[in-house]
PDB file of N, CA and C in Angstrom:
ATOM      1  N   MET A   1      81.572 110.696  36.430  1.00  0.00           N
ATOM      2  CA  MET A   1      81.719 110.083  37.730  1.00  0.00           C
ATOM      3  C   MET A   1      80.449 109.286  38.029  1.00  0.00           C
ATOM      4  N   THR A   2      80.619 108.188  38.727  1.00  0.00           N
ATOM      5  CA  THR A   2      79.453 107.368  39.051  1.00  0.00           C
ATOM      6  C   THR A   2      78.683 107.957  40.220  1.00  0.00           C
ATOM      7  N   GLU A   3      77.460 107.510  40.377  1.00  0.00           N
ATOM      8  CA  GLU A   3      76.630 107.984  41.480  1.00  0.00           C
ATOM      9  C   GLU A   3      77.278 107.649  42.827  1.00  0.00           C
ATOM     10  N   ALA A   4      77.881 106.477  42.938  1.00  0.00           N
ATOM     11  CA  ALA A   4      78.539 106.086  44.192  1.00  0.00           C
ATOM     12  C   ALA A   4      79.687 107.028  44.529  1.00  0.00           C
ATOM     13  N   LEU A   5      80.461 107.421  43.515  1.00  0.00           N
ATOM     14  CA  LEU A   5      81.557 108.358  43.758  1.00  0.00           C
ATOM     15  C   LEU A   5      81.034 109.743  44.110  1.00  0.00           C
ATOM     16  N   ASP A   6      79.972 110.162  43.459  1.00  0.00           N
ATOM     17  CA  ASP A   6      79.358 111.457  43.794  1.00  0.00           C
ATOM     18  C   ASP A   6      78.887 111.469  45.248  1.00  0.00           C
ATOM     19  N   THR A   7      78.248 110.382  45.663  1.00  0.00           N
ATOM     20  CA  THR A   7      77.747 110.282  47.037  1.00  0.00           C
ATOM     21  C   THR A   7      78.901 110.305  48.032  1.00  0.00           C
ATOM     22  N   ALA A   8      79.953 109.541  47.744  1.00  0.00           N
ATOM     23  CA  ALA A   8      81.110 109.495  48.638  1.00  0.00           C
ATOM     24  C   ALA A   8      81.804 110.852  48.713  1.00  0.00           C
ATOM     25  N   THR A   9      81.942 111.519  47.582  1.00  0.00           N
ATOM     26  CA  THR A   9      82.573 112.836  47.552  1.00  0.00           C
ATOM     27  C   THR A   9      81.762 113.839  48.372  1.00  0.00           C
ATOM     28  N   THR A  10      80.467 113.824  48.188  1.00  0.00           N
ATOM     29  CA  THR A  10      79.594 114.721  48.945  1.00  0.00           C
ATOM     30  C   THR A  10      79.725 114.461  50.449  1.00  0.00           C
ATOM     31  N   ALA A  11      79.797 113.189  50.831  1.00  0.00           N
ATOM     32  CA  ALA A  11      79.936 112.842  52.250  1.00  0.00           C
ATOM     33  C   ALA A  11      81.274 113.323  52.806  1.00  0.00           C
ATOM     34  N   LEU A  12      82.350 113.162  52.045  1.00  0.00           N
ATOM     35  CA  LEU A  12      83.667 113.607  52.502  1.00  0.00           C
ATOM     36  C   LEU A  12      83.712 115.126  52.659  1.00  0.00           C
ATOM     37  N   ILE A  13      83.191 115.834  51.685  1.00  0.00           N
ATOM     38  CA  ILE A  13      83.176 117.298  51.766  1.00  0.00           C
ATOM     39  C   ILE A  13      82.292 117.753  52.924  1.00  0.00           C
ATOM     40  N   GLY A  14      81.184 117.079  53.115  1.00  0.00           N
ATOM     41  CA  GLY A  14      80.314 117.399  54.236  1.00  0.00           C
ATOM     42  C   GLY A  14      81.018 117.186  55.570  1.00  0.00           C
ATOM     43  N   ALA A  15      81.770 116.091  55.677  1.00  0.00           N
ATOM     44  CA  ALA A  15      82.510 115.816  56.911  1.00  0.00           C
ATOM     45  C   ALA A  15      83.548 116.896  57.161  1.00  0.00           C
ATOM     46  N   LEU A  16      84.217 117.348  56.119  1.00  0.00           N
ATOM     47  CA  LEU A  16      85.176 118.440  56.281  1.00  0.00           C
ATOM     48  C   LEU A  16      84.466 119.715  56.737  1.00  0.00           C
ATOM     49  N   ASN A  17      83.357 120.026  56.112  1.00  0.00           N
ATOM     50  CA  ASN A  17      82.620 121.246  56.454  1.00  0.00           C
ATOM     51  C   ASN A  17      82.019 121.205  57.852  1.00  0.00           C
ATOM     52  N   ASP A  18      81.873 120.003  58.410  1.00  0.00           N
ATOM     53  CA  ASP A  18      81.352 119.863  59.777  1.00  0.00           C
ATOM     54  C   ASP A  18      82.393 120.200  60.842  1.00  0.00           C
ATOM     55  N   ILE A  19      83.655 120.306  60.455  1.00  0.00           N
ATOM     56  CA  ILE A  19      84.705 120.658  61.410  1.00  0.00           C
ATOM     57  C   ILE A  19      84.628 122.156  61.659  1.00  0.00           C
ATOM     58  N   SER A  20      84.325 122.524  62.895  1.00  0.00           N
ATOM     59  CA  SER A  20      84.063 123.940  63.196  1.00  0.00           C
ATOM     60  C   SER A  20      85.322 124.796  63.243  1.00  0.00           C
ATOM     61  N   ASP A  21      86.414 124.247  63.717  1.00  0.00           N
ATOM     62  CA  ASP A  21      87.657 125.025  63.802  1.00  0.00           C
ATOM     63  C   ASP A  21      88.271 125.144  62.406  1.00  0.00           C
ATOM     64  N   ALA A  22      88.493 126.380  61.965  1.00  0.00           N
ATOM     65  CA  ALA A  22      88.974 126.627  60.601  1.00  0.00           C
ATOM     66  C   ALA A  22      90.342 125.999  60.344  1.00  0.00           C
ATOM     67  N   VAL A  23      91.251 126.110  61.290  1.00  0.00           N
ATOM     68  CA  VAL A  23      92.593 125.542  61.105  1.00  0.00           C
ATOM     69  C   VAL A  23      92.509 124.022  61.062  1.00  0.00           C
ATOM     70  N   GLU A  24      91.732 123.444  61.956  1.00  0.00           N
ATOM     71  CA  GLU A  24      91.559 121.993  61.966  1.00  0.00           C
ATOM     72  C   GLU A  24      90.916 121.510  60.661  1.00  0.00           C
ATOM     73  N   ARG A  25      89.933 122.283  60.162  1.00  0.00           N
ATOM     74  CA  ARG A  25      89.275 121.935  58.895  1.00  0.00           C
ATOM     75  C   ARG A  25      90.272 121.979  57.745  1.00  0.00           C
ATOM     76  N   TYR A  26      91.126 123.001  57.728  1.00  0.00           N
ATOM     77  CA  TYR A  26      92.148 123.124  56.689  1.00  0.00           C
ATOM     78  C   TYR A  26      93.115 121.944  56.753  1.00  0.00           C
ATOM     79  N   GLU A  27      93.590 121.624  57.958  1.00  0.00           N
ATOM     80  CA  GLU A  27      94.538 120.514  58.119  1.00  0.00           C
ATOM     81  C   GLU A  27      93.905 119.184  57.717  1.00  0.00           C
ATOM     82  N   ALA A  28      92.642 119.009  58.063  1.00  0.00           N
ATOM     83  CA  ALA A  28      91.931 117.787  57.680  1.00  0.00           C
ATOM     84  C   ALA A  28      91.786 117.711  56.159  1.00  0.00           C
ATOM     85  N   ALA A  29      91.521 118.847  55.525  1.00  0.00           N
ATOM     86  CA  ALA A  29      91.396 118.877  54.064  1.00  0.00           C
ATOM     87  C   ALA A  29      92.722 118.509  53.410  1.00  0.00           C
ATOM     88  N   GLU A  30      93.819 119.037  53.938  1.00  0.00           N
ATOM     89  CA  GLU A  30      95.143 118.711  53.391  1.00  0.00           C
ATOM     90  C   GLU A  30      95.461 117.224  53.572  1.00  0.00           C
ATOM     91  N   ALA A  31      95.147 116.682  54.740  1.00  0.00           N
ATOM     92  CA  ALA A  31      95.411 115.267  55.001  1.00  0.00           C
ATOM     93  C   ALA A  31      94.557 114.375  54.103  1.00  0.00           C
ATOM     94  N   LEU A  32      93.298 114.754  53.924  1.00  0.00           N
ATOM     95  CA  LEU A  32      92.411 113.990  53.053  1.00  0.00           C
ATOM     96  C   LEU A  32      92.906 114.022  51.613  1.00  0.00           C
ATOM     97  N   LYS A  33      93.322 115.188  51.157  1.00  0.00           N
ATOM     98  CA  LYS A  33      93.841 115.314  49.789  1.00  0.00           C
ATOM     99  C   LYS A  33      95.058 114.428  49.587  1.00  0.00           C
ATOM    100  N   ALA A  34      95.984 114.424  50.537  1.00  0.00           N
ATOM    101  CA  ALA A  34      97.189 113.601  50.417  1.00  0.00           C
ATOM    102  C   ALA A  34      96.831 112.121  50.375  1.00  0.00           C
ATOM    103  N   ARG A  35      95.902 111.720  51.232  1.00  0.00           N
ATOM    104  CA  ARG A  35      95.513 110.311  51.254  1.00  0.00           C
ATOM    105  C   ARG A  35      94.824 109.903  49.961  1.00  0.00           C
ATOM    106  N   ILE A  36      93.907 110.740  49.489  1.00  0.00           N
ATOM    107  CA  ILE A  36      93.200 110.427  48.247  1.00  0.00           C
ATOM    108  C   ILE A  36      94.174 110.394  47.074  1.00  0.00           C
ATOM    109  N   ASP A  37      95.098 111.361  47.016  1.00  0.00           N
ATOM    110  CA  ASP A  37      96.090 111.371  45.932  1.00  0.00           C
ATOM    111  C   ASP A  37      96.861 110.055  45.890  1.00  0.00           C
ATOM    112  N   GLN A  38      97.306 109.570  47.048  1.00  0.00           N
ATOM    113  CA  GLN A  38      98.072 108.328  47.090  1.00  0.00           C
ATOM    114  C   GLN A  38      97.215 107.131  46.698  1.00  0.00           C
ATOM    115  N   GLU A  39      95.993 107.087  47.186  1.00  0.00           N
ATOM    116  CA  GLU A  39      95.101 105.976  46.859  1.00  0.00           C
ATOM    117  C   GLU A  39      94.755 105.953  45.370  1.00  0.00           C
ATOM    118  N   VAL A  40      94.527 107.132  44.798  1.00  0.00           N
ATOM    119  CA  VAL A  40      94.214 107.216  43.368  1.00  0.00           C
ATOM    120  C   VAL A  40      95.423 106.762  42.541  1.00  0.00           C
ATOM    121  N   LYS A  41      96.630 107.150  42.955  1.00  0.00           N
ATOM    122  CA  LYS A  41      97.834 106.684  42.263  1.00  0.00           C
ATOM    123  C   LYS A  41      97.904 105.167  42.264  1.00  0.00           C
ATOM    124  N   SER A  42      97.566 104.568  43.392  1.00  0.00           N
ATOM    125  CA  SER A  42      97.593 103.111  43.498  1.00  0.00           C
ATOM    126  C   SER A  42      96.577 102.466  42.560  1.00  0.00           C
ATOM    127  N   VAL A  43      95.379 103.032  42.512  1.00  0.00           N
ATOM    128  CA  VAL A  43      94.344 102.488  41.628  1.00  0.00           C
ATOM    129  C   VAL A  43      94.790 102.601  40.167  1.00  0.00           C
ATOM    130  N   LYS A  44      95.317 103.771  39.799  1.00  0.00           N
ATOM    131  CA  LYS A  44      95.770 103.969  38.415  1.00  0.00           C
ATOM    132  C   LYS A  44      96.908 103.020  38.064  1.00  0.00           C
ATOM    133  N   ALA A  45      97.804 102.781  39.006  1.00  0.00           N
ATOM    134  CA  ALA A  45      98.913 101.851  38.765  1.00  0.00           C
ATOM    135  C   ALA A  45      98.380 100.441  38.526  1.00  0.00           C
ATOM    136  N   GLU A  46      97.432 100.029  39.337  1.00  0.00           N
ATOM    137  CA  GLU A  46      96.854  98.693  39.165  1.00  0.00           C
ATOM    138  C   GLU A  46      96.127  98.564  37.831  1.00  0.00           C
ATOM    139  N   VAL A  47      95.427  99.616  37.429  1.00  0.00           N
ATOM    140  CA  VAL A  47      94.736  99.596  36.138  1.00  0.00           C
ATOM    141  C   VAL A  47      95.753  99.457  35.011  1.00  0.00           C
ATOM    142  N   ALA A  48      96.807 100.260  35.047  1.00  0.00           N
ATOM    143  CA  ALA A  48      97.828 100.198  33.999  1.00  0.00           C
ATOM    144  C   ALA A  48      98.466  98.810  33.944  1.00  0.00           C
ATOM    145  N   LYS A  49      98.782  98.248  35.110  1.00  0.00           N
ATOM    146  CA  LYS A  49      99.384  96.910  35.152  1.00  0.00           C
ATOM    147  C   LYS A  49      98.436  95.860  34.590  1.00  0.00           C
ATOM    148  N   SER A  50      97.150  95.968  34.926  1.00  0.00           N
ATOM    149  CA  SER A  50      96.199  94.971  34.431  1.00  0.00           C
ATOM    150  C   SER A  50      96.004  95.101  32.920  1.00  0.00           C
ATOM    151  N   LEU A  51      96.031  96.322  32.408  1.00  0.00           N
ATOM    152  CA  LEU A  51      95.897  96.514  30.959  1.00  0.00           C
ATOM    153  C   LEU A  51      97.122  96.014  30.199  1.00  0.00           C
ATOM    154  N   TYR A  52      98.272  96.020  30.854  1.00  0.00           N
ATOM    155  CA  TYR A  52      99.514  95.595  30.209  1.00  0.00           C
ATOM    156  C   TYR A  52      99.524  94.101  29.908  1.00  0.00           C
ATOM    157  N   ASP A  53      98.748  93.340  30.642  1.00  0.00           N
ATOM    158  CA  ASP A  53      98.695  91.896  30.447  1.00  0.00           C
ATOM    159  C   ASP A  53      98.278  91.579  29.004  1.00  0.00           C
ATOM    160  N   GLY A  54      99.233  91.130  28.208  1.00  0.00           N
ATOM    161  CA  GLY A  54      98.960  90.787  26.819  1.00  0.00           C
ATOM    162  C   GLY A  54      99.043  91.954  25.847  1.00  0.00           C
ATOM    163  N   ARG A  55      99.421  93.122  26.335  1.00  0.00           N
ATOM    164  CA  ARG A  55      99.538  94.299  25.467  1.00  0.00           C
ATOM    165  C   ARG A  55     100.910  94.928  25.637  1.00  0.00           C
ATOM    166  N   SER A  56     101.278  95.744  24.683  1.00  0.00           N
ATOM    167  CA  SER A  56     102.497  96.554  24.803  1.00  0.00           C
ATOM    168  C   SER A  56     102.167  97.804  25.608  1.00  0.00           C
ATOM    169  N   TRP A  57     103.211  98.463  26.126  1.00  0.00           N
ATOM    170  CA  TRP A  57     102.969  99.724  26.832  1.00  0.00           C
ATOM    171  C   TRP A  57     102.389 100.764  25.884  1.00  0.00           C
ATOM    172  N   ALA A  58     102.760 100.712  24.615  1.00  0.00           N
ATOM    173  CA  ALA A  58     102.188 101.652  23.642  1.00  0.00           C
ATOM    174  C   ALA A  58     100.679 101.446  23.525  1.00  0.00           C
ATOM    175  N   ALA A  59     100.242 100.190  23.506  1.00  0.00           N
ATOM    176  CA  ALA A  59      98.810  99.899  23.420  1.00  0.00           C
ATOM    177  C   ALA A  59      98.087 100.356  24.689  1.00  0.00           C
ATOM    178  N   VAL A  60      98.718 100.125  25.837  1.00  0.00           N
ATOM    179  CA  VAL A  60      98.127 100.581  27.102  1.00  0.00           C
ATOM    180  C   VAL A  60      98.023 102.104  27.096  1.00  0.00           C
ATOM    181  N   GLY A  61      99.082 102.760  26.656  1.00  0.00           N
ATOM    182  CA  GLY A  61      99.068 104.217  26.579  1.00  0.00           C
ATOM    183  C   GLY A  61      97.950 104.728  25.702  1.00  0.00           C
ATOM    184  N   GLU A  62      97.737 104.064  24.583  1.00  0.00           N
ATOM    185  CA  GLU A  62      96.661 104.476  23.688  1.00  0.00           C
ATOM    186  C   GLU A  62      95.304 104.357  24.384  1.00  0.00           C
ATOM    187  N   LEU A  63      95.099 103.278  25.131  1.00  0.00           N
ATOM    188  CA  LEU A  63      93.837 103.094  25.858  1.00  0.00           C
ATOM    189  C   LEU A  63      93.633 104.178  26.918  1.00  0.00           C
ATOM    190  N   LEU A  64      94.731 104.590  27.555  1.00  0.00           N
ATOM    191  CA  LEU A  64      94.645 105.580  28.632  1.00  0.00           C
ATOM    192  C   LEU A  64      94.779 107.016  28.142  1.00  0.00           C
ATOM    193  N   GLY A  65      95.100 107.190  26.881  1.00  0.00           N
ATOM    194  CA  GLY A  65      95.246 108.537  26.335  1.00  0.00           C
ATOM    195  C   GLY A  65      96.573 109.189  26.675  1.00  0.00           C
ATOM    196  N   VAL A  66      97.594 108.359  26.895  1.00  0.00           N
ATOM    197  CA  VAL A  66      98.940 108.852  27.198  1.00  0.00           C
ATOM    198  C   VAL A  66      99.933 108.083  26.330  1.00  0.00           C
ATOM    199  N   THR A  67     101.191 108.454  26.408  1.00  0.00           N
ATOM    200  CA  THR A  67     102.202 107.706  25.667  1.00  0.00           C
ATOM    201  C   THR A  67     102.451 106.369  26.353  1.00  0.00           C
ATOM    202  N   GLY A  68     103.079 105.474  25.623  1.00  0.00           N
ATOM    203  CA  GLY A  68     103.428 104.181  26.198  1.00  0.00           C
ATOM    204  C   GLY A  68     104.363 104.313  27.380  1.00  0.00           C
ATOM    205  N   SER A  69     105.341 105.209  27.271  1.00  0.00           N
ATOM    206  CA  SER A  69     106.280 105.388  28.384  1.00  0.00           C
ATOM    207  C   SER A  69     105.573 105.975  29.602  1.00  0.00           C
ATOM    208  N   ARG A  70     104.598 106.851  29.388  1.00  0.00           N
ATOM    209  CA  ARG A  70     103.845 107.405  30.516  1.00  0.00           C
ATOM    210  C   ARG A  70     102.981 106.321  31.163  1.00  0.00           C
ATOM    211  N   ALA A  71     102.391 105.450  30.354  1.00  0.00           N
ATOM    212  CA  ALA A  71     101.596 104.347  30.894  1.00  0.00           C
ATOM    213  C   ALA A  71     102.469 103.454  31.788  1.00  0.00           C
ATOM    214  N   GLU A  72     103.697 103.193  31.348  1.00  0.00           N
ATOM    215  CA  GLU A  72     104.611 102.389  32.154  1.00  0.00           C
ATOM    216  C   GLU A  72     104.953 103.105  33.456  1.00  0.00           C
ATOM    217  N   GLN A  73     105.185 104.416  33.373  1.00  0.00           N
ATOM    218  CA  GLN A  73     105.460 105.194  34.593  1.00  0.00           C
ATOM    219  C   GLN A  73     104.279 105.119  35.560  1.00  0.00           C
ATOM    220  N   ILE A  74     103.089 105.245  35.041  1.00  0.00           N
ATOM    221  CA  ILE A  74     101.889 105.177  35.881  1.00  0.00           C
ATOM    222  C   ILE A  74     101.828 103.839  36.595  1.00  0.00           C
ATOM    223  N   SER A  75     102.192 102.769  35.895  1.00  0.00           N
ATOM    224  CA  SER A  75     102.144 101.443  36.499  1.00  0.00           C
ATOM    225  C   SER A  75     103.089 101.298  37.682  1.00  0.00           C
ATOM    226  N   ARG A  76     104.118 102.104  37.727  1.00  0.00           N
ATOM    227  CA  ARG A  76     105.115 102.040  38.815  1.00  0.00           C
ATOM    228  C   ARG A  76     104.866 103.103  39.881  1.00  0.00           C
ATOM    229  N   ALA A  77     103.874 103.933  39.741  1.00  0.00           N
ATOM    230  CA  ALA A  77     103.668 105.080  40.619  1.00  0.00           C
ATOM    231  C   ALA A  77     103.322 104.719  42.055  1.00  0.00           C
ATOM    232  N   ALA A  78     102.777 103.541  42.293  1.00  0.00           N
ATOM    233  CA  ALA A  78     102.335 103.188  43.642  1.00  0.00           C
ATOM    234  C   ALA A  78     103.471 102.665  44.515  1.00  0.00           C
ATOM    235  N   ARG A  79     104.657 102.602  43.999  1.00  0.00           N
ATOM    236  CA  ARG A  79     105.782 102.061  44.763  1.00  0.00           C
ATOM    237  C   ARG A  79     106.124 102.917  45.940  1.00  0.00           C
TER     238      ARG A  79
END
């Protein structure tokens, strides 16, 4: 992970830990996780689509460490 991501992660966790009410902190953690999961899916989809330019899905899969069909699925995940 890059230093920028480490810093951002630390800040997000710190913000969660600053919420004094335990239930509110839990709900905020769940909401943050859902948002991050969706955003990460979008980033991965864009990466897969950009790698596909001029390559087969099998080649993209090899670059990502997955099968070609999985690489294609990843590219459609942000829909």
